[in-house]
């Protein structure tokens, strides 16, 4: 589980980005 803490007005902190999986990381980036 990778977690995003925050909201658009504050920006985000990523907790545990996980393995170096390009698609997973891109989804994290887009969600933030």
ModelCIF file with pLDDT and N, C-alpha, C, O atoms, coordinates in Angstrom:
data_MODEL
#
_entry.id   MODEL 
#
_entity.id                         1 
_entity.type                       polymer 
_entity.pdbx_number_of_molecules   1 
#
_entity_poly.entity_id                      1 
_entity_poly.type                           'polypeptide(L)' 
_entity_poly.nstd_linkage                   no 
_entity_poly.nstd_monomer                   no 
_entity_poly.pdbx_seq_one_letter_code       
;(UNK)(UNK)(UNK)(UNK)(UNK)(UNK)(UNK)(UNK)(UNK)(UNK)(UNK)(UNK)(UNK)(UNK)(UNK)(UNK)
(UNK)(UNK)(UNK)(UNK)(UNK)(UNK)(UNK)(UNK)(UNK)(UNK)(UNK)(UNK)(UNK)(UNK)(UNK)(UNK)
;
_entity_poly.pdbx_seq_one_letter_code_can   XXXXXXXXXXXXXXXXXXXXXXXXXXXXXXXX 
_entity_poly.pdbx_strand_id                 A 
#
loop_
_entity_poly_seq.entity_id 
_entity_poly_seq.num 
_entity_poly_seq.mon_id 
_entity_poly_seq.hetero 
1 1  UNK n 
1 2  UNK n 
1 3  UNK n 
1 4  UNK n 
1 5  UNK n 
1 6  UNK n 
1 7  UNK n 
1 8  UNK n 
1 9  UNK n 
1 10 UNK n 
1 11 UNK n 
1 12 UNK n 
1 13 UNK n 
1 14 UNK n 
1 15 UNK n 
1 16 UNK n 
1 17 UNK n 
1 18 UNK n 
1 19 UNK n 
1 20 UNK n 
1 21 UNK n 
1 22 UNK n 
1 23 UNK n 
1 24 UNK n 
1 25 UNK n 
1 26 UNK n 
1 27 UNK n 
1 28 UNK n 
1 29 UNK n 
1 30 UNK n 
1 31 UNK n 
1 32 UNK n 
#
_struct_asym.id          A 
_struct_asym.entity_id   1 
#
loop_
_ma_qa_metric.id 
_ma_qa_metric.mode 
_ma_qa_metric.name 
_ma_qa_metric.software_group_id 
_ma_qa_metric.type 
1 global pLDDT . pLDDT 
2 local  pLDDT . pLDDT 
#
_ma_qa_metric_global.metric_id      1 
_ma_qa_metric_global.metric_value   97.34 
_ma_qa_metric_global.model_id       1 
_ma_qa_metric_global.ordinal_id     1 
#
loop_
_ma_qa_metric_local.label_asym_id 
_ma_qa_metric_local.label_comp_id 
_ma_qa_metric_local.label_seq_id 
_ma_qa_metric_local.metric_id 
_ma_qa_metric_local.metric_value 
_ma_qa_metric_local.model_id 
_ma_qa_metric_local.ordinal_id 
A UNK 1  2 98.00 1 1  
A UNK 2  2 98.00 1 2  
A UNK 3  2 98.00 1 3  
A UNK 4  2 98.00 1 4  
A UNK 5  2 98.00 1 5  
A UNK 6  2 98.00 1 6  
A UNK 7  2 96.00 1 7  
A UNK 8  2 96.00 1 8  
A UNK 9  2 95.00 1 9  
A UNK 10 2 97.00 1 10 
A UNK 11 2 97.00 1 11 
A UNK 12 2 98.00 1 12 
A UNK 13 2 98.00 1 13 
A UNK 14 2 98.00 1 14 
A UNK 15 2 98.00 1 15 
A UNK 16 2 98.00 1 16 
A UNK 17 2 98.00 1 17 
A UNK 18 2 97.00 1 18 
A UNK 19 2 97.00 1 19 
A UNK 20 2 96.00 1 20 
A UNK 21 2 97.00 1 21 
A UNK 22 2 97.00 1 22 
A UNK 23 2 97.00 1 23 
A UNK 24 2 98.00 1 24 
A UNK 25 2 98.00 1 25 
A UNK 26 2 97.00 1 26 
A UNK 27 2 98.00 1 27 
A UNK 28 2 97.00 1 28 
A UNK 29 2 98.00 1 29 
A UNK 30 2 97.00 1 30 
A UNK 31 2 97.00 1 31 
A UNK 32 2 97.00 1 32 
#
loop_
_atom_site.group_PDB 
_atom_site.id 
_atom_site.type_symbol 
_atom_site.label_atom_id 
_atom_site.label_alt_id 
_atom_site.label_comp_id 
_atom_site.label_asym_id 
_atom_site.label_entity_id 
_atom_site.label_seq_id 
_atom_site.pdbx_PDB_ins_code 
_atom_site.Cartn_x 
_atom_site.Cartn_y 
_atom_site.Cartn_z 
_atom_site.occupancy 
_atom_site.B_iso_or_equiv 
_atom_site.pdbx_formal_charge 
_atom_site.auth_seq_id 
_atom_site.auth_comp_id 
_atom_site.auth_asym_id 
_atom_site.auth_atom_id 
_atom_site.pdbx_PDB_model_num 
ATOM 1   N N  . UNK A 1 1  ? 0.836  -1.200 0.000   1.00 98.00 ? 1  UNK A N  1 
ATOM 2   C CA . UNK A 1 1  ? 0.000  0.000  0.000   1.00 98.00 ? 1  UNK A CA 1 
ATOM 3   C C  . UNK A 1 1  ? 0.870  1.248  0.000   1.00 98.00 ? 1  UNK A C  1 
ATOM 4   O O  . UNK A 1 1  ? 1.654  1.470  0.923   1.00 98.00 ? 1  UNK A O  1 
ATOM 5   N N  . UNK A 1 2  ? 0.728  2.060  -1.040  1.00 98.00 ? 2  UNK A N  1 
ATOM 6   C CA . UNK A 1 2  ? 1.311  3.402  -1.054  1.00 98.00 ? 2  UNK A CA 1 
ATOM 7   C C  . UNK A 1 2  ? 0.206  4.373  -0.641  1.00 98.00 ? 2  UNK A C  1 
ATOM 8   O O  . UNK A 1 2  ? -0.928 4.256  -1.104  1.00 98.00 ? 2  UNK A O  1 
ATOM 9   N N  . UNK A 1 3  ? 0.531  5.319  0.220   1.00 98.00 ? 3  UNK A N  1 
ATOM 10  C CA . UNK A 1 3  ? -0.471 6.271  0.693   1.00 98.00 ? 3  UNK A CA 1 
ATOM 11  C C  . UNK A 1 3  ? -0.117 7.679  0.243   1.00 98.00 ? 3  UNK A C  1 
ATOM 12  O O  . UNK A 1 3  ? 1.052  8.062  0.201   1.00 98.00 ? 3  UNK A O  1 
ATOM 13  N N  . UNK A 1 4  ? -1.154 8.442  -0.094  1.00 98.00 ? 4  UNK A N  1 
ATOM 14  C CA . UNK A 1 4  ? -1.049 9.863  -0.364  1.00 98.00 ? 4  UNK A CA 1 
ATOM 15  C C  . UNK A 1 4  ? -1.779 10.610 0.740   1.00 98.00 ? 4  UNK A C  1 
ATOM 16  O O  . UNK A 1 4  ? -2.981 10.424 0.928   1.00 98.00 ? 4  UNK A O  1 
ATOM 17  N N  . UNK A 1 5  ? -1.061 11.453 1.471   1.00 98.00 ? 5  UNK A N  1 
ATOM 18  C CA . UNK A 1 5  ? -1.660 12.279 2.513   1.00 98.00 ? 5  UNK A CA 1 
ATOM 19  C C  . UNK A 1 5  ? -1.650 13.719 2.030   1.00 98.00 ? 5  UNK A C  1 
ATOM 20  O O  . UNK A 1 5  ? -0.614 14.228 1.602   1.00 98.00 ? 5  UNK A O  1 
ATOM 21  N N  . UNK A 1 6  ? -2.807 14.380 2.097   1.00 98.00 ? 6  UNK A N  1 
ATOM 22  C CA . UNK A 1 6  ? -2.902 15.761 1.662   1.00 98.00 ? 6  UNK A CA 1 
ATOM 23  C C  . UNK A 1 6  ? -4.111 15.981 0.779   1.00 98.00 ? 6  UNK A C  1 
ATOM 24  O O  . UNK A 1 6  ? -4.954 15.097 0.631   1.00 98.00 ? 6  UNK A O  1 
ATOM 25  N N  . UNK A 1 7  ? -4.189 17.141 0.204   1.00 96.00 ? 7  UNK A N  1 
ATOM 26  C CA . UNK A 1 7  ? -5.278 17.479 -0.714  1.00 96.00 ? 7  UNK A CA 1 
ATOM 27  C C  . UNK A 1 7  ? -4.769 18.553 -1.669  1.00 96.00 ? 7  UNK A C  1 
ATOM 28  O O  . UNK A 1 7  ? -3.683 19.094 -1.462  1.00 96.00 ? 7  UNK A O  1 
ATOM 29  N N  . UNK A 1 8  ? -5.529 18.868 -2.701  1.00 96.00 ? 8  UNK A N  1 
ATOM 30  C CA . UNK A 1 8  ? -4.999 19.797 -3.709  1.00 96.00 ? 8  UNK A CA 1 
ATOM 31  C C  . UNK A 1 8  ? -4.484 21.114 -3.155  1.00 96.00 ? 8  UNK A C  1 
ATOM 32  O O  . UNK A 1 8  ? -3.508 21.659 -3.670  1.00 96.00 ? 8  UNK A O  1 
ATOM 33  N N  . UNK A 1 9  ? -5.125 21.637 -2.107  1.00 95.00 ? 9  UNK A N  1 
ATOM 34  C CA . UNK A 1 9  ? -4.708 22.936 -1.565  1.00 95.00 ? 9  UNK A CA 1 
ATOM 35  C C  . UNK A 1 9  ? -3.420 22.866 -0.757  1.00 95.00 ? 9  UNK A C  1 
ATOM 36  O O  . UNK A 1 9  ? -2.799 23.897 -0.500  1.00 95.00 ? 9  UNK A O  1 
ATOM 37  N N  . UNK A 1 10 ? -3.005 21.661 -0.350  1.00 97.00 ? 10 UNK A N  1 
ATOM 38  C CA . UNK A 1 10 ? -1.813 21.531 0.503   1.00 97.00 ? 10 UNK A CA 1 
ATOM 39  C C  . UNK A 1 10 ? -0.662 20.818 -0.187  1.00 97.00 ? 10 UNK A C  1 
ATOM 40  O O  . UNK A 1 10 ? 0.469  20.865 0.297   1.00 97.00 ? 10 UNK A O  1 
ATOM 41  N N  . UNK A 1 11 ? -0.929 20.160 -1.309  1.00 97.00 ? 11 UNK A N  1 
ATOM 42  C CA . UNK A 1 11 ? 0.049  19.257 -1.856  1.00 97.00 ? 11 UNK A CA 1 
ATOM 43  C C  . UNK A 1 11 ? 0.032  17.946 -1.085  1.00 97.00 ? 11 UNK A C  1 
ATOM 44  O O  . UNK A 1 11 ? -0.766 17.771 -0.165  1.00 97.00 ? 11 UNK A O  1 
ATOM 45  N N  . UNK A 1 12 ? 0.908  17.034 -1.459  1.00 98.00 ? 12 UNK A N  1 
ATOM 46  C CA . UNK A 1 12 ? 0.820  15.664 -0.937  1.00 98.00 ? 12 UNK A CA 1 
ATOM 47  C C  . UNK A 1 12 ? 2.164  15.149 -0.435  1.00 98.00 ? 12 UNK A C  1 
ATOM 48  O O  . UNK A 1 12 ? 3.230  15.520 -0.928  1.00 98.00 ? 12 UNK A O  1 
ATOM 49  N N  . UNK A 1 13 ? 2.065  14.274 0.570   1.00 98.00 ? 13 UNK A N  1 
ATOM 50  C CA . UNK A 1 13 ? 3.198  13.475 1.023   1.00 98.00 ? 13 UNK A CA 1 
ATOM 51  C C  . UNK A 1 13 ? 2.916  12.035 0.616   1.00 98.00 ? 13 UNK A C  1 
ATOM 52  O O  . UNK A 1 13 ? 1.837  11.515 0.900   1.00 98.00 ? 13 UNK A O  1 
ATOM 53  N N  . UNK A 1 14 ? 3.859  11.392 -0.036  1.00 98.00 ? 14 UNK A N  1 
ATOM 54  C CA . UNK A 1 14 ? 3.740  9.985  -0.401  1.00 98.00 ? 14 UNK A CA 1 
ATOM 55  C C  . UNK A 1 14 ? 4.416  9.155  0.681   1.00 98.00 ? 14 UNK A C  1 
ATOM 56  O O  . UNK A 1 14 ? 5.571  9.397  1.033   1.00 98.00 ? 14 UNK A O  1 
ATOM 57  N N  . UNK A 1 15 ? 3.694  8.186  1.200   1.00 98.00 ? 15 UNK A N  1 
ATOM 58  C CA . UNK A 1 15 ? 4.262  7.249  2.173   1.00 98.00 ? 15 UNK A CA 1 
ATOM 59  C C  . UNK A 1 15 ? 4.422  5.894  1.485   1.00 98.00 ? 15 UNK A C  1 
ATOM 60  O O  . UNK A 1 15 ? 3.441  5.307  1.027   1.00 98.00 ? 15 UNK A O  1 
ATOM 61  N N  . UNK A 1 16 ? 5.636  5.408  1.415   1.00 98.00 ? 16 UNK A N  1 
ATOM 62  C CA . UNK A 1 16 ? 5.981  4.128  0.783   1.00 98.00 ? 16 UNK A CA 1 
ATOM 63  C C  . UNK A 1 16 ? 5.601  4.096  -0.690  1.00 98.00 ? 16 UNK A C  1 
ATOM 64  O O  . UNK A 1 16 ? 4.531  3.600  -1.043  1.00 98.00 ? 16 UNK A O  1 
ATOM 65  N N  . UNK A 1 17 ? 6.475  4.626  -1.562  1.00 98.00 ? 17 UNK A N  1 
ATOM 66  C CA . UNK A 1 17 ? 6.193  4.583  -2.994  1.00 98.00 ? 17 UNK A CA 1 
ATOM 67  C C  . UNK A 1 17 ? 6.166  3.172  -3.564  1.00 98.00 ? 17 UNK A C  1 
ATOM 68  O O  . UNK A 1 17 ? 5.634  2.942  -4.650  1.00 98.00 ? 17 UNK A O  1 
ATOM 69  N N  . UNK A 1 18 ? 6.751  2.219  -2.818  1.00 97.00 ? 18 UNK A N  1 
ATOM 70  C CA . UNK A 1 18 ? 6.676  0.827  -3.252  1.00 97.00 ? 18 UNK A CA 1 
ATOM 71  C C  . UNK A 1 18 ? 7.797  0.439  -4.200  1.00 97.00 ? 18 UNK A C  1 
ATOM 72  O O  . UNK A 1 18 ? 8.836  1.098  -4.238  1.00 97.00 ? 18 UNK A O  1 
ATOM 73  N N  . UNK A 1 19 ? 7.595  -0.620 -4.961  1.00 97.00 ? 19 UNK A N  1 
ATOM 74  C CA . UNK A 1 19 ? 8.627  -1.067 -5.893  1.00 97.00 ? 19 UNK A CA 1 
ATOM 75  C C  . UNK A 1 19 ? 8.772  -0.083 -7.056  1.00 97.00 ? 19 UNK A C  1 
ATOM 76  O O  . UNK A 1 19 ? 7.927  0.789  -7.260  1.00 97.00 ? 19 UNK A O  1 
ATOM 77  N N  . UNK A 1 20 ? 9.842  -0.240 -7.799  1.00 96.00 ? 20 UNK A N  1 
ATOM 78  C CA . UNK A 1 20 ? 10.101 0.648  -8.934  1.00 96.00 ? 20 UNK A CA 1 
ATOM 79  C C  . UNK A 1 20 ? 9.287  0.196  -10.142 1.00 96.00 ? 20 UNK A C  1 
ATOM 80  O O  . UNK A 1 20 ? 9.837  -0.219 -11.162 1.00 96.00 ? 20 UNK A O  1 
ATOM 81  N N  . UNK A 1 21 ? 7.980  0.284  -10.005 1.00 97.00 ? 21 UNK A N  1 
ATOM 82  C CA . UNK A 1 21 ? 7.055  -0.087 -11.060 1.00 97.00 ? 21 UNK A CA 1 
ATOM 83  C C  . UNK A 1 21 ? 6.563  1.199  -11.721 1.00 97.00 ? 21 UNK A C  1 
ATOM 84  O O  . UNK A 1 21 ? 5.866  1.995  -11.092 1.00 97.00 ? 21 UNK A O  1 
ATOM 85  N N  . UNK A 1 22 ? 6.924  1.402  -12.984 1.00 97.00 ? 22 UNK A N  1 
ATOM 86  C CA . UNK A 1 22 ? 6.670  2.679  -13.650 1.00 97.00 ? 22 UNK A CA 1 
ATOM 87  C C  . UNK A 1 22 ? 5.189  3.035  -13.684 1.00 97.00 ? 22 UNK A C  1 
ATOM 88  O O  . UNK A 1 22 ? 4.829  4.190  -13.455 1.00 97.00 ? 22 UNK A O  1 
ATOM 89  N N  . UNK A 1 23 ? 4.338  2.079  -13.963 1.00 97.00 ? 23 UNK A N  1 
ATOM 90  C CA . UNK A 1 23 ? 2.910  2.370  -14.041 1.00 97.00 ? 23 UNK A CA 1 
ATOM 91  C C  . UNK A 1 23 ? 2.353  2.750  -12.673 1.00 97.00 ? 23 UNK A C  1 
ATOM 92  O O  . UNK A 1 23 ? 1.564  3.687  -12.552 1.00 97.00 ? 23 UNK A O  1 
ATOM 93  N N  . UNK A 1 24 ? 2.769  2.019  -11.653 1.00 98.00 ? 24 UNK A N  1 
ATOM 94  C CA . UNK A 1 24 ? 2.313  2.331  -10.292 1.00 98.00 ? 24 UNK A CA 1 
ATOM 95  C C  . UNK A 1 24 ? 2.741  3.738  -9.892  1.00 98.00 ? 24 UNK A C  1 
ATOM 96  O O  . UNK A 1 24 ? 1.946  4.496  -9.336  1.00 98.00 ? 24 UNK A O  1 
ATOM 97  N N  . UNK A 1 25 ? 3.979  4.085  -10.168 1.00 98.00 ? 25 UNK A N  1 
ATOM 98  C CA . UNK A 1 25 ? 4.482  5.404  -9.783  1.00 98.00 ? 25 UNK A CA 1 
ATOM 99  C C  . UNK A 1 25 ? 3.801  6.511  -10.580 1.00 98.00 ? 25 UNK A C  1 
ATOM 100 O O  . UNK A 1 25 ? 3.554  7.595  -10.050 1.00 98.00 ? 25 UNK A O  1 
ATOM 101 N N  . UNK A 1 26 ? 3.501  6.250  -11.832 1.00 97.00 ? 26 UNK A N  1 
ATOM 102 C CA . UNK A 1 26 ? 2.794  7.243  -12.634 1.00 97.00 ? 26 UNK A CA 1 
ATOM 103 C C  . UNK A 1 26 ? 1.392  7.496  -12.088 1.00 97.00 ? 26 UNK A C  1 
ATOM 104 O O  . UNK A 1 26 ? 0.914  8.631  -12.074 1.00 97.00 ? 26 UNK A O  1 
ATOM 105 N N  . UNK A 1 27 ? 0.735  6.418  -11.636 1.00 98.00 ? 27 UNK A N  1 
ATOM 106 C CA . UNK A 1 27 ? -0.601 6.582  -11.048 1.00 98.00 ? 27 UNK A CA 1 
ATOM 107 C C  . UNK A 1 27 ? -0.526 7.382  -9.749  1.00 98.00 ? 27 UNK A C  1 
ATOM 108 O O  . UNK A 1 27 ? -1.406 8.197  -9.472  1.00 98.00 ? 27 UNK A O  1 
ATOM 109 N N  . UNK A 1 28 ? 0.512  7.156  -8.958  1.00 97.00 ? 28 UNK A N  1 
ATOM 110 C CA . UNK A 1 28 ? 0.703  7.951  -7.741  1.00 97.00 ? 28 UNK A CA 1 
ATOM 111 C C  . UNK A 1 28 ? 0.870  9.425  -8.090  1.00 97.00 ? 28 UNK A C  1 
ATOM 112 O O  . UNK A 1 28 ? 0.243  10.298 -7.490  1.00 97.00 ? 28 UNK A O  1 
ATOM 113 N N  . UNK A 1 29 ? 1.719  9.678  -9.063  1.00 98.00 ? 29 UNK A N  1 
ATOM 114 C CA . UNK A 1 29 ? 1.998  11.056 -9.470  1.00 98.00 ? 29 UNK A CA 1 
ATOM 115 C C  . UNK A 1 29 ? 0.726  11.735 -9.961  1.00 98.00 ? 29 UNK A C  1 
ATOM 116 O O  . UNK A 1 29 ? 0.452  12.882 -9.605  1.00 98.00 ? 29 UNK A O  1 
ATOM 117 N N  . UNK A 1 30 ? -0.046 11.033 -10.771 1.00 97.00 ? 30 UNK A N  1 
ATOM 118 C CA . UNK A 1 30 ? -1.287 11.604 -11.307 1.00 97.00 ? 30 UNK A CA 1 
ATOM 119 C C  . UNK A 1 30 ? -2.324 11.832 -10.204 1.00 97.00 ? 30 UNK A C  1 
ATOM 120 O O  . UNK A 1 30 ? -3.041 12.832 -10.218 1.00 97.00 ? 30 UNK A O  1 
ATOM 121 N N  . UNK A 1 31 ? -2.400 10.899 -9.249  1.00 97.00 ? 31 UNK A N  1 
ATOM 122 C CA . UNK A 1 31 ? -3.357 11.061 -8.149  1.00 97.00 ? 31 UNK A CA 1 
ATOM 123 C C  . UNK A 1 31 ? -3.047 12.307 -7.327  1.00 97.00 ? 31 UNK A C  1 
ATOM 124 O O  . UNK A 1 31 ? -3.948 12.909 -6.745  1.00 97.00 ? 31 UNK A O  1 
ATOM 125 N N  . UNK A 1 32 ? -1.779 12.691 -7.281  1.00 97.00 ? 32 UNK A N  1 
ATOM 126 C CA . UNK A 1 32 ? -1.370 13.893 -6.551  1.00 97.00 ? 32 UNK A CA 1 
ATOM 127 C C  . UNK A 1 32 ? -1.377 15.128 -7.440  1.00 97.00 ? 32 UNK A C  1 
ATOM 128 O O  . UNK A 1 32 ? -1.057 16.223 -6.977  1.00 97.00 ? 32 UNK A O  1 
#
